[in-house]
Structure formats: structure tokens, C-alpha cells
């Protein structure tokens, strides 16, 4: 065993451990008595904090859709809806045959032999296959007009807010025959 030196102001290691453990025990007893006197307060505090968190979370979930509006005017055509309509109609039209362009209707035969029609229906443009079905392609349409152009058709759409949209559909088959 080593002899521990006691110098001025320096306690041996064993004494330090004993002195520290006594101080922490006294401190933990004091904290325990504080907690035991107010044990309901911490539970109520937690419930109150959780209820505030729940209210803020619920209200922020209701506000998020208003922050990410795509179109300012509800009567206008949604830009994403317009883009998807253009792409899908162009894909079908490219491979179609036997085109019939009327003022508010475009009809053609698909590569599988089905009759495809795009027409105005109320304030919508709908797609029908073999004169059946009711597939809504575009909403908030005030007026539409198909015009025949060389190798395809031009579609002009006026939304219920008055904004005008245009797109052209061209057929690959028409280009092969003329070339």
C-alpha cells in the first residue's frame, strides 16, 4: 500500500471520493424532495406543452396548401393539367390516322384501331374512346376550337378566366406520306 501524502490544500484520493459522494447524496435528496412536493406540476406542464404543439401542428397542416398554390385564379386552367393534356393528346395524335377536325371536336383512329375523340363538354374537354367513356382531360374551359393545319391540328382554348392557350398536334404518319 502506498502512503498518501497530505500536503497543504491537497486531499488524498480516497478522501476526495468520499467527500464528493457525500455532497452528491445530499444534493440528490434535496432534488428528490423538490420533485416529490411538485410531482403533478411536471405532468401538467408536459400535457400543456404537448397540447400547444398539437394545435400548432394541426394549424400548420391546414395552411400548407394555401402556401403552395399553382394557379392564383381558380377559374384558370392549372398549368400542370394543361401540360399533361398537351403531352398525352400529342402522343396519341402522332400515331393516329383518319383525322377529322371539326370546330369543337377532333377525332381520329389510333394505331390499335380505336376511335379517339376530344370534344368540349360543358366547361371541360373530354376524351372518348369508341364513343364511350368520359375521361376529363381539361377543366375550366370557356371556349375551344380545333383548326386544321398542314400535317395536324391547332387547338385554341380560352379558360373561364379569359386566358388563351394554344398548342399544335402533328402526325408522324402525315409527314411520312408527304416526304
Foldseek 3Di string as FASTA:
>chain_A
DDDDDDDPPDDDPVVVVVVVVVVVVVVVVVVVVVCVVPVVVVVVVVVVVVVVVVVVVVVVVVCVVVVDDQDPDPLFWRPVLVVVLQVVVQVQLQQWDDWDFDFFKIWTAGPVGWIWMWGDDPQFIFIDINPDDTHTRIGQWPDWTWDDDQQWIKIWTAGVVGDIDIDIHGYNVSVVVVD
